Amino acid sequence: MNNISTDLALRARAVEILGGEPSNEALRRFLHGLPGVDAVGLEQRAAALGTRSIKTSSKAWALDRIIELIDLTTLEGADTPGKVRSLVAKAMHPDASDPSCPRPAAVCVYGDMVPYAVAALGTMHGDPDNGKISVAAVATAFPSGRSSLAIKLADTADAVAAGADEIDMVIDRGAFLAGDYAFVYDQIVQVKEACRREDGSYASLKVILETGELNTYDNVKRASWLSILAGGDFIKTSTGKVQPAATLPVTLLMLEVVRDWHRLTGEKIGVKPAGGISSAKDAIKYVVTVAETLGEEWLVPHLFRFGASSLLNDVLMQRQKMTTGHYSGPDYLTIA
């Protein structure tokens, strides 16, 4: 949706699905009418997917694809323009010894660091589906989300004006847990509108659920549906500042919501697990889970991302072992 009627279009879609205006009562009726999550079944499915074996040749493909799906991240209070420039340099040339090494999808920074990331990328700044690197910015009083709506909207608009291609917002978990679904819905809708650029296009909006604070799988499912109904382009597990962050069962649940949404509307929504995924071995489990749940067509930058700061280093190490002939693993690699 990239025109001035986005808010109206989102509301019309919500009215159609909810059977009425997106009031707190209508949202509660819909969200609490969703089938409950079978926790044991979900965890068993995730465990089974996590023990799949893949061929060594498939591992080489998976490692390259993982790199292409990474949001290379620095989100520290001590971030400086120099640190952001170093992050961008790493993204542009992940393996200085191998020019064929793919690049991450994006660099993810705080909003005030966006201009430095954009400048450092230069002509490489652009659509990762076309071989470029996006700039993602966290916004809306990340990571707590505890600020006024006016500040959240200004935070978002400033980052977009500075050149951010993607906005990672956080929902108000307190409002959600208190059952004030209309409040959370309206904030996401308004942040989505704040992603609008002067030319009428929109920065992609990733909605962070902070699943580690939602307590139950049912809440994760409801928050996922709510975020998509309100116009999120992605649903994201975590800020990386709260434990537990991304887990395979939670990510599988979110992928299943996206699958059900696609079946209902034909629309493809992205998923971003973030926080705690630091090894190639673990990342491959997520790749397998996406492929088995939604199909390999979802393993592209505009539909799946890893939020990570250290994952790239381990993937590069595993990739070097394979490409230099030093990999001595079996023909089939067990990823459990």
C-alpha atoms as a PDB file:
ATOM      1  CA  MET A   1       0.000   0.000   0.000  1.00  0.00           C
ATOM      2  CA  ASN A   2       1.822   3.111  -1.174  1.00  0.00           C
ATOM      3  CA  ASN A   3      -0.726   5.868  -1.603  1.00  0.00           C
ATOM      4  CA  ILE A   4      -2.411   8.490   0.544  1.00  0.00           C
ATOM      5  CA  SER A   5      -5.395   6.249   1.239  1.00  0.00           C
ATOM      6  CA  THR A   6      -3.380   3.652   3.158  1.00  0.00           C
ATOM      7  CA  ASP A   7      -5.141   4.399   6.451  1.00  0.00           C
ATOM      8  CA  LEU A   8      -8.557   4.048   4.816  1.00  0.00           C
ATOM      9  CA  ALA A   9      -7.502   0.864   3.013  1.00  0.00           C
ATOM     10  CA  LEU A  10      -6.225  -0.701   6.234  1.00  0.00           C
ATOM     11  CA  ARG A  11      -9.409   0.183   8.064  1.00  0.00           C
ATOM     12  CA  ALA A  12     -11.579  -1.206   5.247  1.00  0.00           C
ATOM     13  CA  ARG A  13      -9.647  -4.467   5.310  1.00  0.00           C
ATOM     14  CA  ALA A  14      -9.950  -4.693   9.086  1.00  0.00           C
ATOM     15  CA  VAL A  15     -13.691  -4.001   8.892  1.00  0.00           C
ATOM     16  CA  GLU A  16     -14.094  -6.820   6.371  1.00  0.00           C
ATOM     17  CA  ILE A  17     -12.163  -9.337   8.466  1.00  0.00           C
ATOM     18  CA  LEU A  18     -13.554  -8.255  11.845  1.00  0.00           C
ATOM     19  CA  GLY A  19     -17.112  -7.804  10.634  1.00  0.00           C
ATOM     20  CA  GLY A  20     -17.157  -4.247  11.930  1.00  0.00           C
ATOM     21  CA  GLU A  21     -15.042  -1.253  12.897  1.00  0.00           C
ATOM     22  CA  PRO A  22     -11.749  -2.141  14.663  1.00  0.00           C
ATOM     23  CA  SER A  23     -13.056  -1.255  18.110  1.00  0.00           C
ATOM     24  CA  ASN A  24     -11.673  -2.804  21.232  1.00  0.00           C
ATOM     25  CA  GLU A  25     -14.751  -5.037  21.448  1.00  0.00           C
ATOM     26  CA  ALA A  26     -14.461  -6.215  17.829  1.00  0.00           C
ATOM     27  CA  LEU A  27     -10.728  -6.845  18.114  1.00  0.00           C
ATOM     28  CA  ARG A  28     -11.166  -8.737  21.385  1.00  0.00           C
ATOM     29  CA  ARG A  29     -13.917 -10.867  19.883  1.00  0.00           C
ATOM     30  CA  PHE A  30     -11.780 -11.717  16.857  1.00  0.00           C
ATOM     31  CA  LEU A  31      -8.454 -12.263  18.654  1.00  0.00           C
ATOM     32  CA  HIS A  32      -9.943 -14.334  21.458  1.00  0.00           C
ATOM     33  CA  GLY A  33     -11.961 -16.294  18.909  1.00  0.00           C
ATOM     34  CA  LEU A  34      -8.783 -17.591  17.265  1.00  0.00           C
ATOM     35  CA  PRO A  35      -8.061 -21.273  17.952  1.00  0.00           C
ATOM     36  CA  GLY A  36      -5.872 -21.719  21.017  1.00  0.00           C
ATOM     37  CA  VAL A  37      -2.266 -22.768  20.542  1.00  0.00           C
ATOM     38  CA  ASP A  38      -1.404 -26.379  21.341  1.00  0.00           C
ATOM     39  CA  ALA A  39       1.869 -25.654  23.127  1.00  0.00           C
ATOM     40  CA  VAL A  40       3.029 -29.271  23.191  1.00  0.00           C
ATOM     41  CA  GLY A  41       2.225 -29.767  19.525  1.00  0.00           C
ATOM     42  CA  LEU A  42       3.940 -26.507  18.535  1.00  0.00           C
ATOM     43  CA  GLU A  43       7.112 -27.352  20.437  1.00  0.00           C
ATOM     44  CA  GLN A  44       7.157 -30.873  18.997  1.00  0.00           C
ATOM     45  CA  ARG A  45       6.824 -29.502  15.426  1.00  0.00           C
ATOM     46  CA  ALA A  46       9.636 -27.016  16.061  1.00  0.00           C
ATOM     47  CA  ALA A  47      11.856 -29.725  17.564  1.00  0.00           C
ATOM     48  CA  ALA A  48      11.225 -32.032  14.595  1.00  0.00           C
ATOM     49  CA  LEU A  49      12.076 -29.295  12.100  1.00  0.00           C
ATOM     50  CA  GLY A  50      15.205 -28.494  14.108  1.00  0.00           C
ATOM     51  CA  THR A  51      16.521 -32.029  13.680  1.00  0.00           C
ATOM     52  CA  ARG A  52      16.193 -32.216   9.906  1.00  0.00           C
ATOM     53  CA  SER A  53      19.314 -33.287   8.020  1.00  0.00           C
ATOM     54  CA  ILE A  54      20.415 -31.436   4.895  1.00  0.00           C
ATOM     55  CA  LYS A  55      22.972 -32.274   2.237  1.00  0.00           C
ATOM     56  CA  THR A  56      26.350 -30.568   2.345  1.00  0.00           C
ATOM     57  CA  SER A  57      25.535 -28.955  -1.012  1.00  0.00           C
ATOM     58  CA  SER A  58      22.327 -27.593   0.504  1.00  0.00           C
ATOM     59  CA  LYS A  59      24.296 -26.267   3.443  1.00  0.00           C
ATOM     60  CA  ALA A  60      26.428 -24.165   1.077  1.00  0.00           C
ATOM     61  CA  TRP A  61      23.247 -22.686  -0.405  1.00  0.00           C
ATOM     62  CA  ALA A  62      21.778 -22.122   3.052  1.00  0.00           C
ATOM     63  CA  LEU A  63      24.851 -20.285   4.337  1.00  0.00           C
ATOM     64  CA  ASP A  64      24.796 -17.870   1.415  1.00  0.00           C
ATOM     65  CA  ARG A  65      21.072 -17.342   1.776  1.00  0.00           C
ATOM     66  CA  ILE A  66      21.402 -16.676   5.514  1.00  0.00           C
ATOM     67  CA  ILE A  67      23.898 -13.901   4.804  1.00  0.00           C
ATOM     68  CA  GLU A  68      21.478 -12.347   2.315  1.00  0.00           C
ATOM     69  CA  LEU A  69      18.745 -12.347   4.968  1.00  0.00           C
ATOM     70  CA  ILE A  70      20.684 -10.747   7.835  1.00  0.00           C
ATOM     71  CA  ASP A  71      19.946  -7.309   9.255  1.00  0.00           C
ATOM     72  CA  LEU A  72      23.459  -6.526  10.511  1.00  0.00           C
ATOM     73  CA  THR A  73      22.807  -4.657  13.710  1.00  0.00           C
ATOM     74  CA  THR A  74      24.314  -2.249  16.205  1.00  0.00           C
ATOM     75  CA  LEU A  75      21.906  -0.909  18.817  1.00  0.00           C
ATOM     76  CA  GLU A  76      23.985   0.347  21.708  1.00  0.00           C
ATOM     77  CA  GLY A  77      23.958   3.599  23.622  1.00  0.00           C
ATOM     78  CA  ALA A  78      27.653   3.943  22.812  1.00  0.00           C
ATOM     79  CA  ASP A  79      27.153   3.771  19.027  1.00  0.00           C
ATOM     80  CA  THR A  80      29.111   6.413  17.128  1.00  0.00           C
ATOM     81  CA  PRO A  81      29.226   7.500  13.478  1.00  0.00           C
ATOM     82  CA  GLY A  82      32.533   5.656  13.210  1.00  0.00           C
ATOM     83  CA  LYS A  83      31.039   2.438  14.534  1.00  0.00           C
ATOM     84  CA  VAL A  84      28.167   2.709  12.048  1.00  0.00           C
ATOM     85  CA  ARG A  85      30.609   3.299   9.194  1.00  0.00           C
ATOM     86  CA  SER A  86      32.499   0.169  10.272  1.00  0.00           C
ATOM     87  CA  LEU A  87      29.239  -1.782  10.330  1.00  0.00           C
ATOM     88  CA  VAL A  88      28.438  -0.602   6.808  1.00  0.00           C
ATOM     89  CA  ALA A  89      31.930  -1.529   5.602  1.00  0.00           C
ATOM     90  CA  LYS A  90      31.395  -5.032   7.002  1.00  0.00           C
ATOM     91  CA  ALA A  91      28.045  -5.259   5.240  1.00  0.00           C
ATOM     92  CA  MET A  92      29.496  -4.134   1.922  1.00  0.00           C
ATOM     93  CA  HIS A  93      32.446  -6.524   2.090  1.00  0.00           C
ATOM     94  CA  PRO A  94      31.562  -9.351   4.519  1.00  0.00           C
ATOM     95  CA  ASP A  95      34.538 -11.497   3.460  1.00  0.00           C
ATOM     96  CA  ALA A  96      37.406  -9.396   2.174  1.00  0.00           C
ATOM     97  CA  SER A  97      39.104 -12.539   0.854  1.00  0.00           C
ATOM     98  CA  ASP A  98      36.110 -13.580  -1.269  1.00  0.00           C
ATOM     99  CA  PRO A  99      34.442 -11.003  -3.548  1.00  0.00           C
ATOM    100  CA  SER A 100      31.738 -13.561  -4.398  1.00  0.00           C
ATOM    101  CA  CYS A 101      30.452 -13.563  -0.828  1.00  0.00           C
ATOM    102  CA  PRO A 102      26.875 -12.235  -0.699  1.00  0.00           C
ATOM    103  CA  ARG A 103      25.959  -9.150   1.318  1.00  0.00           C
ATOM    104  CA  PRO A 104      23.491  -8.782   4.194  1.00  0.00           C
ATOM    105  CA  ALA A 105      20.068  -7.349   3.422  1.00  0.00           C
ATOM    106  CA  ALA A 106      20.345  -4.330   5.695  1.00  0.00           C
ATOM    107  CA  VAL A 107      22.143  -2.515   8.427  1.00  0.00           C
ATOM    108  CA  CYS A 108      19.950  -1.752  11.452  1.00  0.00           C
ATOM    109  CA  VAL A 109      20.731   1.267  13.621  1.00  0.00           C
ATOM    110  CA  TYR A 110      19.148   3.865  15.867  1.00  0.00           C
ATOM    111  CA  GLY A 111      17.365   6.681  14.065  1.00  0.00           C
ATOM    112  CA  ASP A 112      20.008   9.308  14.695  1.00  0.00           C
ATOM    113  CA  MET A 113      22.597   7.064  13.051  1.00  0.00           C
ATOM    114  CA  VAL A 114      20.613   6.702   9.808  1.00  0.00           C
ATOM    115  CA  PRO A 115      22.312   9.605   7.965  1.00  0.00           C
ATOM    116  CA  TYR A 116      25.749   8.094   8.614  1.00  0.00           C
ATOM    117  CA  ALA A 117      24.636   4.667   7.367  1.00  0.00           C
ATOM    118  CA  VAL A 118      23.084   6.165   4.217  1.00  0.00           C
ATOM    119  CA  ALA A 119      26.201   8.224   3.473  1.00  0.00           C
ATOM    120  CA  ALA A 120      28.538   5.300   4.057  1.00  0.00           C
ATOM    121  CA  LEU A 121      26.544   3.035   1.740  1.00  0.00           C
ATOM    122  CA  GLY A 122      26.532   5.536  -1.111  1.00  0.00           C
ATOM    123  CA  THR A 123      25.495   3.835  -4.347  1.00  0.00           C
ATOM    124  CA  MET A 124      25.096   0.525  -2.517  1.00  0.00           C
ATOM    125  CA  HIS A 125      22.100   1.912  -0.633  1.00  0.00           C
ATOM    126  CA  GLY A 126      18.927   0.374  -2.001  1.00  0.00           C
ATOM    127  CA  ASP A 127      16.687  -2.655  -2.383  1.00  0.00           C
ATOM    128  CA  PRO A 128      18.289  -5.881  -1.064  1.00  0.00           C
ATOM    129  CA  ASP A 129      16.141  -7.907  -3.468  1.00  0.00           C
ATOM    130  CA  ASN A 130      18.214  -6.212  -6.174  1.00  0.00           C
ATOM    131  CA  GLY A 131      21.605  -6.744  -4.567  1.00  0.00           C
ATOM    132  CA  LYS A 132      21.727  -3.476  -2.603  1.00  0.00           C
ATOM    133  CA  ILE A 133      21.710  -2.867   1.158  1.00  0.00           C
ATOM    134  CA  SER A 134      18.810  -1.242   3.008  1.00  0.00           C
ATOM    135  CA  VAL A 135      18.979   0.943   6.075  1.00  0.00           C
ATOM    136  CA  ALA A 136      16.653  -0.128   8.882  1.00  0.00           C
ATOM    137  CA  ALA A 137      16.026   2.088  11.897  1.00  0.00           C
ATOM    138  CA  VAL A 138      14.512   1.160  15.237  1.00  0.00           C
ATOM    139  CA  ALA A 139      11.911   3.666  16.343  1.00  0.00           C
ATOM    140  CA  THR A 140       8.956   4.371  18.650  1.00  0.00           C
ATOM    141  CA  ALA A 141      11.049   4.651  21.822  1.00  0.00           C
ATOM    142  CA  PHE A 142      12.827   1.350  21.187  1.00  0.00           C
ATOM    143  CA  PRO A 143      13.213  -0.929  23.104  1.00  0.00           C
ATOM    144  CA  SER A 144      10.620  -0.112  25.796  1.00  0.00           C
ATOM    145  CA  GLY A 145       8.020   1.682  23.683  1.00  0.00           C
ATOM    146  CA  ARG A 146       7.322   3.875  26.687  1.00  0.00           C
ATOM    147  CA  SER A 147       6.709   7.329  25.254  1.00  0.00           C
ATOM    148  CA  SER A 148       3.861   9.434  23.964  1.00  0.00           C
ATOM    149  CA  LEU A 149       2.404   8.708  20.540  1.00  0.00           C
ATOM    150  CA  ALA A 150       3.598  12.107  19.321  1.00  0.00           C
ATOM    151  CA  ILE A 151       7.188  11.194  20.137  1.00  0.00           C
ATOM    152  CA  LYS A 152       6.810   7.769  18.511  1.00  0.00           C
ATOM    153  CA  LEU A 153       5.485   9.312  15.312  1.00  0.00           C
ATOM    154  CA  ALA A 154       8.179  11.999  15.248  1.00  0.00           C
ATOM    155  CA  ASP A 155      10.833   9.330  15.882  1.00  0.00           C
ATOM    156  CA  THR A 156       9.546   7.361  12.902  1.00  0.00           C
ATOM    157  CA  ALA A 157       9.109  10.312  10.557  1.00  0.00           C
ATOM    158  CA  ASP A 158      12.602  11.637  11.335  1.00  0.00           C
ATOM    159  CA  ALA A 159      14.208   8.285  10.492  1.00  0.00           C
ATOM    160  CA  VAL A 160      12.268   7.985   7.231  1.00  0.00           C
ATOM    161  CA  ALA A 161      13.164  11.562   6.253  1.00  0.00           C
ATOM    162  CA  ALA A 162      16.831  10.759   6.920  1.00  0.00           C
ATOM    163  CA  GLY A 163      16.693   7.882   4.440  1.00  0.00           C
ATOM    164  CA  ALA A 164      15.614   4.810   6.421  1.00  0.00           C
ATOM    165  CA  ASP A 165      14.073   2.193   4.138  1.00  0.00           C
ATOM    166  CA  GLU A 166      12.638   0.152   6.994  1.00  0.00           C
ATOM    167  CA  ILE A 167      11.269   0.997  10.429  1.00  0.00           C
ATOM    168  CA  ASP A 168      11.354  -1.503  13.294  1.00  0.00           C
ATOM    169  CA  MET A 169       8.732  -0.329  15.794  1.00  0.00           C
ATOM    170  CA  VAL A 170       7.825  -1.798  19.177  1.00  0.00           C
ATOM    171  CA  ILE A 171       4.262  -2.352  20.327  1.00  0.00           C
ATOM    172  CA  ASP A 172       3.050  -1.154  23.704  1.00  0.00           C
ATOM    173  CA  ARG A 173       3.218  -4.495  25.509  1.00  0.00           C
ATOM    174  CA  GLY A 174       1.577  -3.046  28.607  1.00  0.00           C
ATOM    175  CA  ALA A 175      -1.479  -1.955  26.639  1.00  0.00           C
ATOM    176  CA  PHE A 176      -1.632  -5.299  24.842  1.00  0.00           C
ATOM    177  CA  LEU A 177      -1.403  -7.328  28.064  1.00  0.00           C
ATOM    178  CA  ALA A 178      -4.085  -5.113  29.593  1.00  0.00           C
ATOM    179  CA  GLY A 179      -6.355  -6.058  26.701  1.00  0.00           C
ATOM    180  CA  ASP A 180      -6.415  -2.592  25.135  1.00  0.00           C
ATOM    181  CA  TYR A 181      -6.147  -3.983  21.621  1.00  0.00           C
ATOM    182  CA  ALA A 182      -7.651  -0.934  19.896  1.00  0.00           C
ATOM    183  CA  PHE A 183      -4.952   1.272  21.438  1.00  0.00           C
ATOM    184  CA  VAL A 184      -2.186  -0.982  20.066  1.00  0.00           C
ATOM    185  CA  TYR A 185      -3.943  -1.267  16.703  1.00  0.00           C
ATOM    186  CA  ASP A 186      -4.327   2.499  16.341  1.00  0.00           C
ATOM    187  CA  GLN A 187      -0.687   3.137  17.233  1.00  0.00           C
ATOM    188  CA  ILE A 188       0.536   0.706  14.580  1.00  0.00           C
ATOM    189  CA  VAL A 189      -1.775   2.283  11.985  1.00  0.00           C
ATOM    190  CA  GLN A 190      -0.455   5.749  12.800  1.00  0.00           C
ATOM    191  CA  VAL A 191       3.186   4.640  12.794  1.00  0.00           C
ATOM    192  CA  LYS A 192       2.529   3.051   9.402  1.00  0.00           C
ATOM    193  CA  GLU A 193       1.301   6.422   8.137  1.00  0.00           C
ATOM    194  CA  ALA A 194       4.413   8.094   9.589  1.00  0.00           C
ATOM    195  CA  CYS A 195       6.450   5.782   7.318  1.00  0.00           C
ATOM    196  CA  ARG A 196       5.079   7.675   4.312  1.00  0.00           C
ATOM    197  CA  ARG A 197       7.688   9.462   2.193  1.00  0.00           C
ATOM    198  CA  GLU A 198       7.223  12.691   0.278  1.00  0.00           C
ATOM    199  CA  ASP A 199       6.774  10.777  -2.981  1.00  0.00           C
ATOM    200  CA  GLY A 200       3.866   8.793  -1.518  1.00  0.00           C
ATOM    201  CA  SER A 201       5.762   5.527  -1.072  1.00  0.00           C
ATOM    202  CA  TYR A 202       6.264   3.928   2.336  1.00  0.00           C
ATOM    203  CA  ALA A 203       9.187   2.613   4.317  1.00  0.00           C
ATOM    204  CA  SER A 204       8.611  -1.037   5.239  1.00  0.00           C
ATOM    205  CA  LEU A 205       7.219  -1.432   8.749  1.00  0.00           C
ATOM    206  CA  LYS A 206       8.419  -4.248  10.999  1.00  0.00           C
ATOM    207  CA  VAL A 207       6.326  -4.628  14.150  1.00  0.00           C
ATOM    208  CA  ILE A 208       8.265  -5.956  17.154  1.00  0.00           C
ATOM    209  CA  LEU A 209       6.108  -8.012  19.509  1.00  0.00           C
ATOM    210  CA  GLU A 210       8.755  -8.554  22.208  1.00  0.00           C
ATOM    211  CA  THR A 211       7.544 -12.110  22.600  1.00  0.00           C
ATOM    212  CA  GLY A 212       9.592 -12.674  25.747  1.00  0.00           C
ATOM    213  CA  GLU A 213       7.205 -10.310  27.563  1.00  0.00           C
ATOM    214  CA  LEU A 214       3.959 -11.717  26.144  1.00  0.00           C
ATOM    215  CA  ASN A 215       4.030 -14.761  28.455  1.00  0.00           C
ATOM    216  CA  THR A 216       1.960 -17.220  26.394  1.00  0.00           C
ATOM    217  CA  TYR A 217       1.835 -18.618  22.871  1.00  0.00           C
ATOM    218  CA  ASP A 218      -1.791 -17.493  22.629  1.00  0.00           C
ATOM    219  CA  ASN A 219      -0.670 -13.910  23.259  1.00  0.00           C
ATOM    220  CA  VAL A 220       2.018 -14.209  20.600  1.00  0.00           C
ATOM    221  CA  LYS A 221      -0.594 -15.444  18.134  1.00  0.00           C
ATOM    222  CA  ARG A 222      -3.004 -12.629  18.984  1.00  0.00           C
ATOM    223  CA  ALA A 223      -0.281  -9.970  18.801  1.00  0.00           C
ATOM    224  CA  SER A 224       0.809 -11.323  15.408  1.00  0.00           C
ATOM    225  CA  TRP A 225      -2.708 -11.116  13.988  1.00  0.00           C
ATOM    226  CA  LEU A 226      -3.239  -7.669  15.500  1.00  0.00           C
ATOM    227  CA  SER A 227      -0.004  -6.327  14.013  1.00  0.00           C
ATOM    228  CA  ILE A 228      -0.819  -7.630  10.548  1.00  0.00           C
ATOM    229  CA  LEU A 229      -4.386  -6.309  10.706  1.00  0.00           C
ATOM    230  CA  ALA A 230      -2.988  -2.866  11.529  1.00  0.00           C
ATOM    231  CA  GLY A 231      -0.697  -2.814   8.496  1.00  0.00           C
ATOM    232  CA  GLY A 232       2.628  -4.284   9.578  1.00  0.00           C
ATOM    233  CA  ASP A 233       4.720  -5.470   6.629  1.00  0.00           C
ATOM    234  CA  PHE A 234       6.749  -7.739   8.944  1.00  0.00           C
ATOM    235  CA  ILE A 235       6.182  -9.225  12.360  1.00  0.00           C
ATOM    236  CA  LYS A 236       9.356  -9.434  14.443  1.00  0.00           C
ATOM    237  CA  THR A 237       9.944 -11.475  17.570  1.00  0.00           C
ATOM    238  CA  SER A 238      12.126  -9.303  19.748  1.00  0.00           C
ATOM    239  CA  THR A 239      14.209  -6.228  20.407  1.00  0.00           C
ATOM    240  CA  GLY A 240      17.130  -8.413  21.454  1.00  0.00           C
ATOM    241  CA  LYS A 241      17.122  -6.586  24.783  1.00  0.00           C
ATOM    242  CA  VAL A 242      14.747  -8.998  26.588  1.00  0.00           C
ATOM    243  CA  GLN A 243      15.167 -12.701  27.275  1.00  0.00           C
ATOM    244  CA  PRO A 244      13.929 -14.988  25.947  1.00  0.00           C
ATOM    245  CA  ALA A 245      14.296 -13.382  22.530  1.00  0.00           C
ATOM    246  CA  ALA A 246      13.802 -15.388  19.319  1.00  0.00           C
ATOM    247  CA  THR A 247      12.994 -19.067  19.792  1.00  0.00           C
ATOM    248  CA  LEU A 248      12.164 -21.634  17.148  1.00  0.00           C
ATOM    249  CA  PRO A 249       8.664 -22.469  18.519  1.00  0.00           C
ATOM    250  CA  VAL A 250       7.685 -18.785  18.694  1.00  0.00           C
ATOM    251  CA  THR A 251       9.014 -18.147  15.202  1.00  0.00           C
ATOM    252  CA  LEU A 252       7.182 -21.208  13.891  1.00  0.00           C
ATOM    253  CA  LEU A 253       3.959 -19.910  15.445  1.00  0.00           C
ATOM    254  CA  MET A 254       4.430 -16.518  13.770  1.00  0.00           C
ATOM    255  CA  LEU A 255       5.159 -18.218  10.437  1.00  0.00           C
ATOM    256  CA  GLU A 256       1.932 -20.180  10.802  1.00  0.00           C
ATOM    257  CA  VAL A 257       0.007 -16.936  11.389  1.00  0.00           C
ATOM    258  CA  VAL A 258       1.574 -15.498   8.224  1.00  0.00           C
ATOM    259  CA  ARG A 259       0.619 -18.672   6.347  1.00  0.00           C
ATOM    260  CA  ASP A 260      -2.985 -18.384   7.560  1.00  0.00           C
ATOM    261  CA  TRP A 261      -3.089 -14.677   6.653  1.00  0.00           C
ATOM    262  CA  HIS A 262      -1.840 -15.472   3.148  1.00  0.00           C
ATOM    263  CA  ARG A 263      -4.520 -18.121   2.739  1.00  0.00           C
ATOM    264  CA  LEU A 264      -7.161 -15.633   3.898  1.00  0.00           C
ATOM    265  CA  THR A 265      -6.095 -12.559   1.912  1.00  0.00           C
ATOM    266  CA  GLY A 266      -3.441 -13.590  -0.626  1.00  0.00           C
ATOM    267  CA  GLU A 267      -1.049 -11.070   0.987  1.00  0.00           C
ATOM    268  CA  LYS A 268       2.508 -12.027   1.922  1.00  0.00           C
ATOM    269  CA  ILE A 269       3.808 -10.751   5.263  1.00  0.00           C
ATOM    270  CA  GLY A 270       7.423 -10.975   6.416  1.00  0.00           C
ATOM    271  CA  VAL A 271       8.817 -12.516   9.595  1.00  0.00           C
ATOM    272  CA  LYS A 272      11.960 -11.480  11.465  1.00  0.00           C
ATOM    273  CA  PRO A 273      13.340 -13.521  14.361  1.00  0.00           C
ATOM    274  CA  ALA A 274      15.793 -11.366  16.281  1.00  0.00           C
ATOM    275  CA  GLY A 275      17.977 -11.814  19.317  1.00  0.00           C
ATOM    276  CA  GLY A 276      19.978 -14.847  20.372  1.00  0.00           C
ATOM    277  CA  ILE A 277      20.563 -16.408  16.940  1.00  0.00           C
ATOM    278  CA  SER A 278      24.344 -16.413  16.792  1.00  0.00           C
ATOM    279  CA  SER A 279      25.400 -19.639  15.044  1.00  0.00           C
ATOM    280  CA  ALA A 280      25.039 -20.918  11.488  1.00  0.00           C
ATOM    281  CA  LYS A 281      23.758 -24.194  12.932  1.00  0.00           C
ATOM    282  CA  ASP A 282      20.829 -22.438  14.610  1.00  0.00           C
ATOM    283  CA  ALA A 283      20.137 -20.175  11.638  1.00  0.00           C
ATOM    284  CA  ILE A 284      19.839 -23.208   9.342  1.00  0.00           C
ATOM    285  CA  LYS A 285      17.083 -24.523  11.609  1.00  0.00           C
ATOM    286  CA  TYR A 286      15.139 -21.325  10.945  1.00  0.00           C
ATOM    287  CA  VAL A 287      15.738 -21.585   7.185  1.00  0.00           C
ATOM    288  CA  VAL A 288      14.387 -25.140   7.209  1.00  0.00           C
ATOM    289  CA  THR A 289      11.388 -24.056   9.291  1.00  0.00           C
ATOM    290  CA  VAL A 290      10.525 -21.233   6.888  1.00  0.00           C
ATOM    291  CA  ALA A 291      10.875 -23.492   3.848  1.00  0.00           C
ATOM    292  CA  GLU A 292       8.702 -26.209   5.381  1.00  0.00           C
ATOM    293  CA  THR A 293       6.024 -23.820   6.666  1.00  0.00           C
ATOM    294  CA  LEU A 294       5.766 -21.200   3.923  1.00  0.00           C
ATOM    295  CA  GLY A 295       7.957 -22.466   1.104  1.00  0.00           C
ATOM    296  CA  GLU A 296      11.332 -21.345  -0.233  1.00  0.00           C
ATOM    297  CA  GLU A 297       9.630 -18.355  -1.889  1.00  0.00           C
ATOM    298  CA  TRP A 298       9.608 -16.720   1.569  1.00  0.00           C
ATOM    299  CA  LEU A 299      13.412 -16.935   1.835  1.00  0.00           C
ATOM    300  CA  VAL A 300      13.946 -13.534   0.243  1.00  0.00           C
ATOM    301  CA  PRO A 301      14.837 -10.228   1.921  1.00  0.00           C
ATOM    302  CA  HIS A 302      11.382  -8.651   1.646  1.00  0.00           C
ATOM    303  CA  LEU A 303       9.782 -11.630   3.435  1.00  0.00           C
ATOM    304  CA  PHE A 304      12.298 -12.969   5.937  1.00  0.00           C
ATOM    305  CA  ARG A 305      15.157 -11.516   7.989  1.00  0.00           C
ATOM    306  CA  PHE A 306      17.463 -12.428  10.811  1.00  0.00           C
ATOM    307  CA  GLY A 307      18.072  -9.653  13.328  1.00  0.00           C
ATOM    308  CA  ALA A 308      21.638 -10.291  14.435  1.00  0.00           C
ATOM    309  CA  SER A 309      24.910  -8.699  15.450  1.00  0.00           C
ATOM    310  CA  SER A 310      27.157 -11.767  15.729  1.00  0.00           C
ATOM    311  CA  LEU A 311      25.534 -14.345  13.412  1.00  0.00           C
ATOM    312  CA  LEU A 312      27.414 -13.149  10.325  1.00  0.00           C
ATOM    313  CA  ASN A 313      30.821 -13.999  11.785  1.00  0.00           C
ATOM    314  CA  ASP A 314      29.937 -17.641  12.420  1.00  0.00           C
ATOM    315  CA  VAL A 315      28.271 -18.037   9.020  1.00  0.00           C
ATOM    316  CA  LEU A 316      31.373 -16.628   7.322  1.00  0.00           C
ATOM    317  CA  MET A 317      33.584 -19.039   9.247  1.00  0.00           C
ATOM    318  CA  GLN A 318      31.455 -22.018   8.203  1.00  0.00           C
ATOM    319  CA  ARG A 319      31.353 -20.748   4.625  1.00  0.00           C
ATOM    320  CA  GLN A 320      35.136 -20.405   4.491  1.00  0.00           C
ATOM    321  CA  LYS A 321      35.551 -23.955   5.746  1.00  0.00           C
ATOM    322  CA  MET A 322      33.457 -25.174   2.843  1.00  0.00           C
ATOM    323  CA  THR A 323      34.767 -22.944   0.053  1.00  0.00           C
ATOM    324  CA  THR A 324      38.428 -23.465   0.942  1.00  0.00           C
ATOM    325  CA  GLY A 325      38.048 -27.242   1.050  1.00  0.00           C
ATOM    326  CA  HIS A 326      38.744 -27.425   4.756  1.00  0.00           C
ATOM    327  CA  TYR A 327      35.257 -28.650   5.567  1.00  0.00           C
ATOM    328  CA  SER A 328      35.470 -32.272   6.562  1.00  0.00           C
ATOM    329  CA  GLY A 329      31.895 -32.964   7.539  1.00  0.00           C
ATOM    330  CA  PRO A 330      29.687 -35.817   6.285  1.00  0.00           C
ATOM    331  CA  ASP A 331      27.729 -35.860   3.033  1.00  0.00           C
ATOM    332  CA  TYR A 332      24.634 -35.145   5.086  1.00  0.00           C
ATOM    333  CA  LEU A 333      24.833 -32.600   7.886  1.00  0.00           C
ATOM    334  CA  THR A 334      22.589 -33.097  10.889  1.00  0.00           C
ATOM    335  CA  ILE A 335      21.538 -29.704  12.149  1.00  0.00           C
ATOM    336  CA  ALA A 336      20.261 -30.905  15.518  1.00  0.00           C
END
